[in-house]
Amino acid sequence: MAAAAQSLTPPANAEAIARRWFALYIVRNHEKRVDDHLRNRELESFLPLYSITRRWKNRVNAKLELPLFPGYVFVRIADSERVRVLQVPGVVSIIGNGRELLPLPDVEIETLRRGIGLRQVDPHPFLQVGNRVRICSGPFAGLTGIVIRRDSKLRVVLSLELIQRSVAVHVTSDEVEPL
């Protein structure tokens, strides 16, 4: 009888297995504070930072660590810990579609965690197929077009309205800016 009761109870680490990564929407400029609160509550959190050197008006240079994704902190929680997270000062919501929370793929967060220490990272505007962009550097600087494909390089279609012709140009993501 004791063996039957034992098999019905979940293992002690079942909650740890059920933990998934979620993005928290945060009050702007409170990312570090929220990350500290989450860690104090013994919740696994991740706040990716990047370094930048700023020069103030008084000509003093300062090295700052800023959030890579302003307004967001990542947390790894089980469904039962949702309320604990929402009680943290500065947390606005957990990202979802209105009916359910949407977890992030573990591999994306783990890769981001490992890679940030190994390479220089900087924020960049999100580019999606169909977005209008301006090419800001390179031989096509100043032209505008539409992103049609993202792989190792972006493909931007540039159109000449007068003759009703278009060309597809391969550019890197640092050569374009969204309109």
C-alpha atoms as a PDB file:
ATOM      1  CA  MET A   1       0.000   0.000   0.000  1.00  0.00           C
ATOM      2  CA  ALA A   2       2.833   2.407   0.849  1.00  0.00           C
ATOM      3  CA  ALA A   3       4.450   1.706  -2.530  1.00  0.00           C
ATOM      4  CA  ALA A   4       1.212   2.585  -4.342  1.00  0.00           C
ATOM      5  CA  ALA A   5       0.905   5.900  -2.473  1.00  0.00           C
ATOM      6  CA  GLN A   6       4.513   6.693  -3.246  1.00  0.00           C
ATOM      7  CA  SER A   7       4.054   6.266  -7.007  1.00  0.00           C
ATOM      8  CA  LEU A   8       1.079   8.674  -7.068  1.00  0.00           C
ATOM      9  CA  THR A   9       3.040  11.605  -5.654  1.00  0.00           C
ATOM     10  CA  PRO A  10       5.115  13.540  -8.166  1.00  0.00           C
ATOM     11  CA  PRO A  11       8.882  13.492  -7.707  1.00  0.00           C
ATOM     12  CA  ALA A  12      10.337  16.359  -5.662  1.00  0.00           C
ATOM     13  CA  ASN A  13      12.020  17.861  -8.698  1.00  0.00           C
ATOM     14  CA  ALA A  14       8.911  17.683 -10.944  1.00  0.00           C
ATOM     15  CA  GLU A  15       8.334  21.424 -10.456  1.00  0.00           C
ATOM     16  CA  ALA A  16      11.923  22.133 -11.504  1.00  0.00           C
ATOM     17  CA  ILE A  17      11.360  20.069 -14.659  1.00  0.00           C
ATOM     18  CA  ALA A  18       8.125  21.981 -15.404  1.00  0.00           C
ATOM     19  CA  ARG A  19       9.866  25.360 -15.248  1.00  0.00           C
ATOM     20  CA  ARG A  20       9.975  27.274 -18.501  1.00  0.00           C
ATOM     21  CA  TRP A  21      11.381  30.635 -19.587  1.00  0.00           C
ATOM     22  CA  PHE A  22       8.991  33.566 -19.880  1.00  0.00           C
ATOM     23  CA  ALA A  23       9.499  37.203 -20.822  1.00  0.00           C
ATOM     24  CA  LEU A  24       8.329  39.753 -18.264  1.00  0.00           C
ATOM     25  CA  TYR A  25       7.206  43.170 -19.390  1.00  0.00           C
ATOM     26  CA  ILE A  26       8.791  45.647 -16.962  1.00  0.00           C
ATOM     27  CA  VAL A  27       8.336  49.310 -16.085  1.00  0.00           C
ATOM     28  CA  ARG A  28      10.964  51.039 -18.235  1.00  0.00           C
ATOM     29  CA  ASN A  29      14.323  51.683 -16.503  1.00  0.00           C
ATOM     30  CA  HIS A  30      13.497  49.250 -13.673  1.00  0.00           C
ATOM     31  CA  GLU A  31      15.022  46.134 -15.251  1.00  0.00           C
ATOM     32  CA  LYS A  32      17.948  45.790 -12.823  1.00  0.00           C
ATOM     33  CA  ARG A  33      15.724  46.385  -9.802  1.00  0.00           C
ATOM     34  CA  VAL A  34      13.232  43.742 -10.962  1.00  0.00           C
ATOM     35  CA  ASP A  35      16.076  41.284 -11.625  1.00  0.00           C
ATOM     36  CA  ASP A  36      17.333  41.828  -8.050  1.00  0.00           C
ATOM     37  CA  HIS A  37      13.825  41.302  -6.608  1.00  0.00           C
ATOM     38  CA  LEU A  38      13.419  38.058  -8.567  1.00  0.00           C
ATOM     39  CA  ARG A  39      16.775  36.746  -7.340  1.00  0.00           C
ATOM     40  CA  ASN A  40      15.905  37.712  -3.749  1.00  0.00           C
ATOM     41  CA  ARG A  41      12.737  35.622  -4.107  1.00  0.00           C
ATOM     42  CA  GLU A  42      14.951  32.738  -5.293  1.00  0.00           C
ATOM     43  CA  LEU A  43      13.553  32.767  -8.820  1.00  0.00           C
ATOM     44  CA  GLU A  44      15.872  32.109 -11.752  1.00  0.00           C
ATOM     45  CA  SER A  45      16.060  35.258 -13.859  1.00  0.00           C
ATOM     46  CA  PHE A  46      18.125  36.533 -16.761  1.00  0.00           C
ATOM     47  CA  LEU A  47      18.758  40.157 -17.642  1.00  0.00           C
ATOM     48  CA  PRO A  48      21.042  40.395 -20.683  1.00  0.00           C
ATOM     49  CA  LEU A  49      23.216  43.513 -20.546  1.00  0.00           C
ATOM     50  CA  TYR A  50      25.566  45.213 -22.972  1.00  0.00           C
ATOM     51  CA  SER A  51      28.324  47.707 -22.260  1.00  0.00           C
ATOM     52  CA  ILE A  52      28.512  51.190 -23.702  1.00  0.00           C
ATOM     53  CA  THR A  53      30.782  54.138 -23.005  1.00  0.00           C
ATOM     54  CA  ARG A  54      28.969  57.444 -22.681  1.00  0.00           C
ATOM     55  CA  ARG A  55      30.482  60.876 -22.592  1.00  0.00           C
ATOM     56  CA  TRP A  56      28.630  63.332 -20.369  1.00  0.00           C
ATOM     57  CA  LYS A  57      28.388  67.089 -20.940  1.00  0.00           C
ATOM     58  CA  ASN A  58      31.194  67.683 -18.445  1.00  0.00           C
ATOM     59  CA  ARG A  59      33.485  65.519 -20.663  1.00  0.00           C
ATOM     60  CA  VAL A  60      33.571  62.630 -18.218  1.00  0.00           C
ATOM     61  CA  ASN A  61      33.470  59.189 -19.811  1.00  0.00           C
ATOM     62  CA  ALA A  62      31.443  56.509 -18.048  1.00  0.00           C
ATOM     63  CA  LYS A  63      31.076  52.837 -18.868  1.00  0.00           C
ATOM     64  CA  LEU A  64      27.441  51.795 -18.497  1.00  0.00           C
ATOM     65  CA  GLU A  65      25.770  48.403 -18.554  1.00  0.00           C
ATOM     66  CA  LEU A  66      22.336  48.733 -20.133  1.00  0.00           C
ATOM     67  CA  PRO A  67      19.602  46.156 -20.780  1.00  0.00           C
ATOM     68  CA  LEU A  68      19.900  44.537 -24.202  1.00  0.00           C
ATOM     69  CA  PHE A  69      16.086  44.360 -24.373  1.00  0.00           C
ATOM     70  CA  PRO A  70      14.783  47.497 -22.628  1.00  0.00           C
ATOM     71  CA  GLY A  71      11.529  46.850 -20.788  1.00  0.00           C
ATOM     72  CA  TYR A  72      12.016  43.070 -20.509  1.00  0.00           C
ATOM     73  CA  VAL A  73      13.491  40.563 -18.050  1.00  0.00           C
ATOM     74  CA  PHE A  74      13.406  36.793 -18.508  1.00  0.00           C
ATOM     75  CA  VAL A  75      12.374  34.436 -15.717  1.00  0.00           C
ATOM     76  CA  ARG A  76      12.263  30.635 -15.487  1.00  0.00           C
ATOM     77  CA  ILE A  77       9.210  29.592 -13.512  1.00  0.00           C
ATOM     78  CA  ALA A  78       6.592  26.884 -13.109  1.00  0.00           C
ATOM     79  CA  ASP A  79       2.932  27.766 -13.592  1.00  0.00           C
ATOM     80  CA  SER A  80       2.427  27.743  -9.816  1.00  0.00           C
ATOM     81  CA  GLU A  81       4.978  30.578  -9.373  1.00  0.00           C
ATOM     82  CA  ARG A  82       3.157  33.015 -11.648  1.00  0.00           C
ATOM     83  CA  VAL A  83       1.582  35.012  -8.807  1.00  0.00           C
ATOM     84  CA  ARG A  84       4.936  35.377  -7.006  1.00  0.00           C
ATOM     85  CA  VAL A  85       6.378  36.954 -10.155  1.00  0.00           C
ATOM     86  CA  LEU A  86       3.464  39.327 -10.712  1.00  0.00           C
ATOM     87  CA  GLN A  87       3.830  40.593  -7.119  1.00  0.00           C
ATOM     88  CA  VAL A  88       7.364  41.843  -7.804  1.00  0.00           C
ATOM     89  CA  PRO A  89       7.421  45.667  -7.898  1.00  0.00           C
ATOM     90  CA  GLY A  90       7.955  46.885 -11.451  1.00  0.00           C
ATOM     91  CA  VAL A  91       6.565  43.808 -13.212  1.00  0.00           C
ATOM     92  CA  VAL A  92       3.695  44.828 -15.487  1.00  0.00           C
ATOM     93  CA  SER A  93       2.846  41.442 -17.013  1.00  0.00           C
ATOM     94  CA  ILE A  94       4.086  38.090 -18.232  1.00  0.00           C
ATOM     95  CA  ILE A  95       4.053  37.988 -22.030  1.00  0.00           C
ATOM     96  CA  GLY A  96       1.241  35.891 -23.467  1.00  0.00           C
ATOM     97  CA  ASN A  97      -1.572  35.988 -25.985  1.00  0.00           C
ATOM     98  CA  GLY A  98      -4.293  37.084 -23.550  1.00  0.00           C
ATOM     99  CA  ARG A  99      -5.507  33.593 -22.653  1.00  0.00           C
ATOM    100  CA  GLU A 100      -2.265  31.827 -21.837  1.00  0.00           C
ATOM    101  CA  LEU A 101       1.361  32.598 -21.111  1.00  0.00           C
ATOM    102  CA  LEU A 102       3.754  32.036 -23.993  1.00  0.00           C
ATOM    103  CA  PRO A 103       7.012  30.346 -22.962  1.00  0.00           C
ATOM    104  CA  LEU A 104      10.254  31.030 -24.793  1.00  0.00           C
ATOM    105  CA  PRO A 105      12.267  28.123 -26.197  1.00  0.00           C
ATOM    106  CA  ASP A 106      14.865  27.035 -23.623  1.00  0.00           C
ATOM    107  CA  VAL A 107      17.515  26.744 -26.326  1.00  0.00           C
ATOM    108  CA  GLU A 108      17.138  30.445 -27.291  1.00  0.00           C
ATOM    109  CA  ILE A 109      17.661  31.690 -23.729  1.00  0.00           C
ATOM    110  CA  GLU A 110      20.509  29.264 -22.981  1.00  0.00           C
ATOM    111  CA  THR A 111      22.289  30.186 -26.224  1.00  0.00           C
ATOM    112  CA  LEU A 112      21.847  33.884 -25.468  1.00  0.00           C
ATOM    113  CA  ARG A 113      23.219  33.385 -21.926  1.00  0.00           C
ATOM    114  CA  ARG A 114      26.310  31.567 -23.203  1.00  0.00           C
ATOM    115  CA  GLY A 115      26.934  33.851 -26.173  1.00  0.00           C
ATOM    116  CA  ILE A 116      26.728  37.219 -24.426  1.00  0.00           C
ATOM    117  CA  GLY A 117      29.950  36.592 -22.532  1.00  0.00           C
ATOM    118  CA  LEU A 118      31.804  35.507 -25.650  1.00  0.00           C
ATOM    119  CA  ARG A 119      30.907  38.236 -28.151  1.00  0.00           C
ATOM    120  CA  GLN A 120      30.147  41.936 -28.287  1.00  0.00           C
ATOM    121  CA  VAL A 121      26.374  42.391 -28.506  1.00  0.00           C
ATOM    122  CA  ASP A 122      24.402  45.550 -29.187  1.00  0.00           C
ATOM    123  CA  PRO A 123      20.673  46.152 -29.506  1.00  0.00           C
ATOM    124  CA  HIS A 124      19.295  46.352 -33.018  1.00  0.00           C
ATOM    125  CA  PRO A 125      15.804  47.173 -34.295  1.00  0.00           C
ATOM    126  CA  PHE A 126      13.674  44.113 -35.073  1.00  0.00           C
ATOM    127  CA  LEU A 127      13.500  43.472 -38.818  1.00  0.00           C
ATOM    128  CA  GLN A 128      10.816  41.275 -40.288  1.00  0.00           C
ATOM    129  CA  VAL A 129       9.912  40.234 -43.821  1.00  0.00           C
ATOM    130  CA  GLY A 130       7.664  42.926 -45.252  1.00  0.00           C
ATOM    131  CA  ASN A 131       9.169  45.800 -43.226  1.00  0.00           C
ATOM    132  CA  ARG A 132      10.200  48.968 -45.045  1.00  0.00           C
ATOM    133  CA  VAL A 133      13.851  49.830 -44.379  1.00  0.00           C
ATOM    134  CA  ARG A 134      16.377  52.485 -45.351  1.00  0.00           C
ATOM    135  CA  ILE A 135      19.867  51.415 -46.294  1.00  0.00           C
ATOM    136  CA  CYS A 136      22.109  53.631 -44.148  1.00  0.00           C
ATOM    137  CA  SER A 137      25.591  52.493 -45.226  1.00  0.00           C
ATOM    138  CA  GLY A 138      27.321  50.795 -48.120  1.00  0.00           C
ATOM    139  CA  PRO A 139      26.989  51.428 -51.844  1.00  0.00           C
ATOM    140  CA  PHE A 140      23.167  51.684 -51.724  1.00  0.00           C
ATOM    141  CA  ALA A 141      23.045  54.127 -48.778  1.00  0.00           C
ATOM    142  CA  GLY A 142      19.992  56.383 -48.805  1.00  0.00           C
ATOM    143  CA  LEU A 143      17.700  54.046 -50.757  1.00  0.00           C
ATOM    144  CA  THR A 144      14.570  52.547 -49.214  1.00  0.00           C
ATOM    145  CA  GLY A 145      13.077  49.140 -49.837  1.00  0.00           C
ATOM    146  CA  ILE A 146      11.211  46.174 -48.383  1.00  0.00           C
ATOM    147  CA  VAL A 147      12.795  43.199 -46.598  1.00  0.00           C
ATOM    148  CA  ILE A 148      11.832  40.032 -48.480  1.00  0.00           C
ATOM    149  CA  ARG A 149      14.058  37.399 -46.893  1.00  0.00           C
ATOM    150  CA  ARG A 150      16.174  36.872 -43.821  1.00  0.00           C
ATOM    151  CA  ASP A 151      18.894  34.251 -43.802  1.00  0.00           C
ATOM    152  CA  SER A 152      22.603  34.878 -43.340  1.00  0.00           C
ATOM    153  CA  LYS A 153      21.979  38.262 -44.990  1.00  0.00           C
ATOM    154  CA  LEU A 154      18.873  40.342 -45.508  1.00  0.00           C
ATOM    155  CA  ARG A 155      17.429  40.679 -48.961  1.00  0.00           C
ATOM    156  CA  VAL A 156      15.931  44.090 -49.605  1.00  0.00           C
ATOM    157  CA  VAL A 157      13.904  44.879 -52.694  1.00  0.00           C
ATOM    158  CA  LEU A 158      14.604  48.336 -54.117  1.00  0.00           C
ATOM    159  CA  SER A 159      12.000  49.642 -56.566  1.00  0.00           C
ATOM    160  CA  LEU A 160      12.355  52.291 -59.248  1.00  0.00           C
ATOM    161  CA  GLU A 161       8.788  53.539 -59.525  1.00  0.00           C
ATOM    162  CA  LEU A 162       9.322  55.536 -62.726  1.00  0.00           C
ATOM    163  CA  ILE A 163      10.296  52.518 -64.803  1.00  0.00           C
ATOM    164  CA  GLN A 164       8.372  50.012 -62.660  1.00  0.00           C
ATOM    165  CA  ARG A 165      11.342  47.751 -62.040  1.00  0.00           C
ATOM    166  CA  SER A 166      12.858  46.313 -58.870  1.00  0.00           C
ATOM    167  CA  VAL A 167      16.127  44.739 -57.791  1.00  0.00           C
ATOM    168  CA  ALA A 168      16.909  42.580 -54.794  1.00  0.00           C
ATOM    169  CA  VAL A 169      20.017  43.614 -52.856  1.00  0.00           C
ATOM    170  CA  HIS A 170      21.814  41.540 -50.242  1.00  0.00           C
ATOM    171  CA  VAL A 171      22.732  43.624 -47.194  1.00  0.00           C
ATOM    172  CA  THR A 172      23.741  42.952 -43.613  1.00  0.00           C
ATOM    173  CA  SER A 173      21.443  43.921 -40.760  1.00  0.00           C
ATOM    174  CA  ASP A 174      23.805  46.687 -39.584  1.00  0.00           C
ATOM    175  CA  GLU A 175      23.483  48.431 -42.977  1.00  0.00           C
ATOM    176  CA  VAL A 176      19.726  49.039 -42.636  1.00  0.00           C
ATOM    177  CA  GLU A 177      17.373  50.854 -40.313  1.00  0.00           C
ATOM    178  CA  PRO A 178      13.605  50.401 -40.065  1.00  0.00           C
ATOM    179  CA  LEU A 179      11.362  53.212 -41.290  1.00  0.00           C
END
